[in-house]
Amino acid sequence: MRHADIMRLPPAARIGARSHAGRLRLLAETLLLWQERARQRQDLARLDERMLRDIGISRTEVARECAKPFWRP
């Protein structure tokens, strides 16, 4: 199955349509995305009030974002 055809499938069906190597690559990409998302949330939590004001985010919004599990966008 061609890449363009796979991308037209619903996300859950894409995994089954990929080769073994493709599934491993997807898994690796997903793990890296989750790791990056967790790191970004940790960085956000470390910002002080002045920095948050500069980017227009409240401490409440930071708390809400940081409370999300790493797999949730």
N, C-alpha and C. Protein backbone atom coordinates (compact mmCIF):
# COMPACT_ATOMS: atom_id res chain seq x y z
N MET A 1 0.85 -1.17 0.00
CA MET A 1 0.00 0.00 0.00
C MET A 1 0.90 1.24 0.00
N ARG A 2 0.58 2.20 -0.84
CA ARG A 2 1.36 3.43 -0.93
C ARG A 2 1.10 4.34 0.27
N HIS A 3 2.08 5.20 0.58
CA HIS A 3 1.97 6.12 1.71
C HIS A 3 0.72 7.00 1.58
N ALA A 4 0.46 7.53 0.39
CA ALA A 4 -0.70 8.40 0.18
C ALA A 4 -2.00 7.66 0.49
N ASP A 5 -2.05 6.38 0.14
CA ASP A 5 -3.25 5.59 0.42
C ASP A 5 -3.42 5.35 1.92
N ILE A 6 -2.30 5.09 2.60
CA ILE A 6 -2.35 4.86 4.04
C ILE A 6 -2.84 6.11 4.76
N MET A 7 -2.40 7.28 4.32
CA MET A 7 -2.77 8.53 5.00
C MET A 7 -4.26 8.84 4.85
N ARG A 8 -4.93 8.24 3.89
CA ARG A 8 -6.38 8.45 3.73
C ARG A 8 -7.19 7.60 4.70
N LEU A 9 -6.54 6.60 5.30
CA LEU A 9 -7.23 5.72 6.25
C LEU A 9 -7.42 6.42 7.58
N PRO A 10 -8.42 5.98 8.36
CA PRO A 10 -8.55 6.51 9.73
C PRO A 10 -7.29 6.14 10.53
N PRO A 11 -6.93 6.94 11.54
CA PRO A 11 -5.69 6.70 12.27
C PRO A 11 -5.53 5.27 12.79
N ALA A 12 -6.57 4.69 13.35
CA ALA A 12 -6.45 3.34 13.90
C ALA A 12 -6.14 2.32 12.80
N ALA A 13 -6.65 2.53 11.61
CA ALA A 13 -6.42 1.59 10.51
C ALA A 13 -5.04 1.76 9.89
N ARG A 14 -4.43 2.91 10.09
CA ARG A 14 -3.11 3.16 9.50
C ARG A 14 -2.06 2.19 10.04
N ILE A 15 -2.14 1.89 11.33
CA ILE A 15 -1.13 1.03 11.93
C ILE A 15 -1.14 -0.34 11.27
N GLY A 16 -2.33 -0.92 11.06
CA GLY A 16 -2.43 -2.23 10.45
C GLY A 16 -2.00 -2.25 9.00
N ALA A 17 -2.06 -1.12 8.34
CA ALA A 17 -1.73 -1.05 6.91
C ALA A 17 -0.23 -0.87 6.68
N ARG A 18 0.52 -0.62 7.73
CA ARG A 18 1.94 -0.37 7.58
C ARG A 18 2.75 -1.66 7.69
N SER A 19 3.93 -1.62 7.15
CA SER A 19 4.86 -2.73 7.29
C SER A 19 5.37 -2.77 8.73
N HIS A 20 6.06 -3.83 9.05
CA HIS A 20 6.63 -3.94 10.41
C HIS A 20 7.56 -2.76 10.69
N ALA A 21 8.42 -2.43 9.74
CA ALA A 21 9.33 -1.29 9.91
C ALA A 21 8.56 0.02 10.05
N GLY A 22 7.48 0.14 9.29
CA GLY A 22 6.66 1.34 9.37
C GLY A 22 6.00 1.49 10.73
N ARG A 23 5.56 0.35 11.29
CA ARG A 23 4.95 0.40 12.62
C ARG A 23 5.97 0.75 13.69
N LEU A 24 7.18 0.22 13.54
CA LEU A 24 8.24 0.57 14.50
C LEU A 24 8.59 2.06 14.41
N ARG A 25 8.65 2.57 13.19
CA ARG A 25 8.94 4.00 13.00
C ARG A 25 7.83 4.85 13.63
N LEU A 26 6.58 4.45 13.42
CA LEU A 26 5.45 5.17 14.01
C LEU A 26 5.54 5.15 15.53
N LEU A 27 5.88 4.00 16.10
CA LEU A 27 6.02 3.89 17.54
C LEU A 27 7.14 4.81 18.04
N ALA A 28 8.27 4.79 17.37
CA ALA A 28 9.39 5.65 17.77
C ALA A 28 9.01 7.13 17.68
N GLU A 29 8.33 7.52 16.62
CA GLU A 29 7.90 8.91 16.45
C GLU A 29 6.93 9.30 17.56
N THR A 30 6.04 8.40 17.91
CA THR A 30 5.06 8.67 18.96
C THR A 30 5.75 8.84 20.30
N LEU A 31 6.70 7.97 20.61
CA LEU A 31 7.42 8.06 21.87
C LEU A 31 8.22 9.36 21.96
N LEU A 32 8.85 9.75 20.86
CA LEU A 32 9.59 11.02 20.84
C LEU A 32 8.65 12.21 21.02
N LEU A 33 7.49 12.15 20.40
CA LEU A 33 6.50 13.22 20.56
C LEU A 33 6.06 13.33 22.01
N TRP A 34 5.77 12.20 22.64
CA TRP A 34 5.35 12.21 24.04
C TRP A 34 6.45 12.76 24.94
N GLN A 35 7.69 12.37 24.67
CA GLN A 35 8.81 12.86 25.46
C GLN A 35 8.95 14.38 25.32
N GLU A 36 8.84 14.86 24.09
CA GLU A 36 8.95 16.31 23.84
C GLU A 36 7.81 17.06 24.51
N ARG A 37 6.61 16.52 24.43
CA ARG A 37 5.45 17.17 25.05
C ARG A 37 5.65 17.27 26.57
N ALA A 38 6.14 16.21 27.19
CA ALA A 38 6.39 16.22 28.64
C ALA A 38 7.46 17.26 28.98
N ARG A 39 8.51 17.33 28.18
CA ARG A 39 9.58 18.31 28.42
C ARG A 39 9.06 19.74 28.31
N GLN A 40 8.24 19.99 27.30
CA GLN A 40 7.69 21.34 27.12
C GLN A 40 6.81 21.74 28.30
N ARG A 41 6.05 20.79 28.82
CA ARG A 41 5.20 21.10 29.97
C ARG A 41 6.03 21.37 31.21
N GLN A 42 7.13 20.64 31.37
CA GLN A 42 8.03 20.91 32.49
C GLN A 42 8.65 22.30 32.36
N ASP A 43 9.06 22.65 31.16
CA ASP A 43 9.62 23.99 30.92
C ASP A 43 8.59 25.07 31.21
N LEU A 44 7.37 24.86 30.80
CA LEU A 44 6.30 25.83 31.03
C LEU A 44 6.08 26.01 32.53
N ALA A 45 6.12 24.92 33.28
CA ALA A 45 5.90 25.00 34.73
C ALA A 45 7.00 25.80 35.43
N ARG A 46 8.18 25.86 34.84
CA ARG A 46 9.30 26.57 35.46
C ARG A 46 9.32 28.08 35.16
N LEU A 47 8.45 28.54 34.29
CA LEU A 47 8.45 29.98 33.96
C LEU A 47 7.95 30.79 35.15
N ASP A 48 8.57 31.96 35.36
CA ASP A 48 8.11 32.83 36.44
C ASP A 48 6.96 33.71 35.94
N GLU A 49 6.39 34.47 36.86
CA GLU A 49 5.20 35.29 36.55
C GLU A 49 5.48 36.30 35.44
N ARG A 50 6.66 36.90 35.45
CA ARG A 50 7.00 37.88 34.41
C ARG A 50 7.02 37.23 33.04
N MET A 51 7.65 36.07 32.95
CA MET A 51 7.72 35.37 31.67
C MET A 51 6.32 34.95 31.19
N LEU A 52 5.50 34.50 32.12
CA LEU A 52 4.13 34.11 31.74
C LEU A 52 3.34 35.32 31.23
N ARG A 53 3.52 36.46 31.89
CA ARG A 53 2.86 37.69 31.44
C ARG A 53 3.31 38.05 30.03
N ASP A 54 4.62 37.89 29.76
CA ASP A 54 5.18 38.21 28.45
C ASP A 54 4.53 37.38 27.33
N ILE A 55 4.22 36.14 27.63
CA ILE A 55 3.63 35.28 26.59
C ILE A 55 2.10 35.20 26.69
N GLY A 56 1.54 35.90 27.68
CA GLY A 56 0.09 35.99 27.78
C GLY A 56 -0.60 34.75 28.32
N ILE A 57 0.05 34.07 29.25
CA ILE A 57 -0.53 32.85 29.84
C ILE A 57 -0.61 33.03 31.35
N SER A 58 -1.72 32.64 31.93
CA SER A 58 -1.88 32.75 33.38
C SER A 58 -1.35 31.50 34.07
N ARG A 59 -1.12 31.61 35.36
CA ARG A 59 -0.66 30.46 36.15
C ARG A 59 -1.73 29.36 36.14
N THR A 60 -3.00 29.74 36.08
CA THR A 60 -4.09 28.76 36.01
C THR A 60 -4.02 27.97 34.71
N GLU A 61 -3.74 28.65 33.60
CA GLU A 61 -3.61 27.96 32.32
C GLU A 61 -2.41 27.02 32.32
N VAL A 62 -1.33 27.44 32.97
CA VAL A 62 -0.14 26.59 33.09
C VAL A 62 -0.50 25.33 33.88
N ALA A 63 -1.18 25.51 35.00
CA ALA A 63 -1.56 24.36 35.82
C ALA A 63 -2.45 23.40 35.05
N ARG A 64 -3.38 23.94 34.28
CA ARG A 64 -4.27 23.10 33.48
C ARG A 64 -3.49 22.31 32.42
N GLU A 65 -2.56 22.98 31.76
CA GLU A 65 -1.74 22.32 30.74
C GLU A 65 -0.84 21.26 31.35
N CYS A 66 -0.22 21.58 32.47
CA CYS A 66 0.72 20.66 33.10
C CYS A 66 0.03 19.46 33.75
N ALA A 67 -1.26 19.58 34.00
CA ALA A 67 -2.01 18.47 34.60
C ALA A 67 -2.37 17.40 33.56
N LYS A 68 -2.24 17.74 32.29
CA LYS A 68 -2.57 16.77 31.24
C LYS A 68 -1.54 15.64 31.20
N PRO A 69 -1.98 14.43 30.91
CA PRO A 69 -1.01 13.35 30.72
C PRO A 69 -0.19 13.58 29.45
N PHE A 70 0.99 13.01 29.39
CA PHE A 70 1.90 13.28 28.27
C PHE A 70 1.33 12.87 26.92
N TRP A 71 0.41 11.94 26.90
CA TRP A 71 -0.12 11.50 25.61
C TRP A 71 -1.24 12.39 25.09
N ARG A 72 -1.74 13.30 25.91
CA ARG A 72 -2.83 14.18 25.49
C ARG A 72 -2.28 15.49 24.95
N PRO A 73 -2.68 15.87 23.74
CA PRO A 73 -2.21 17.16 23.18
C PRO A 73 -2.75 18.36 23.93
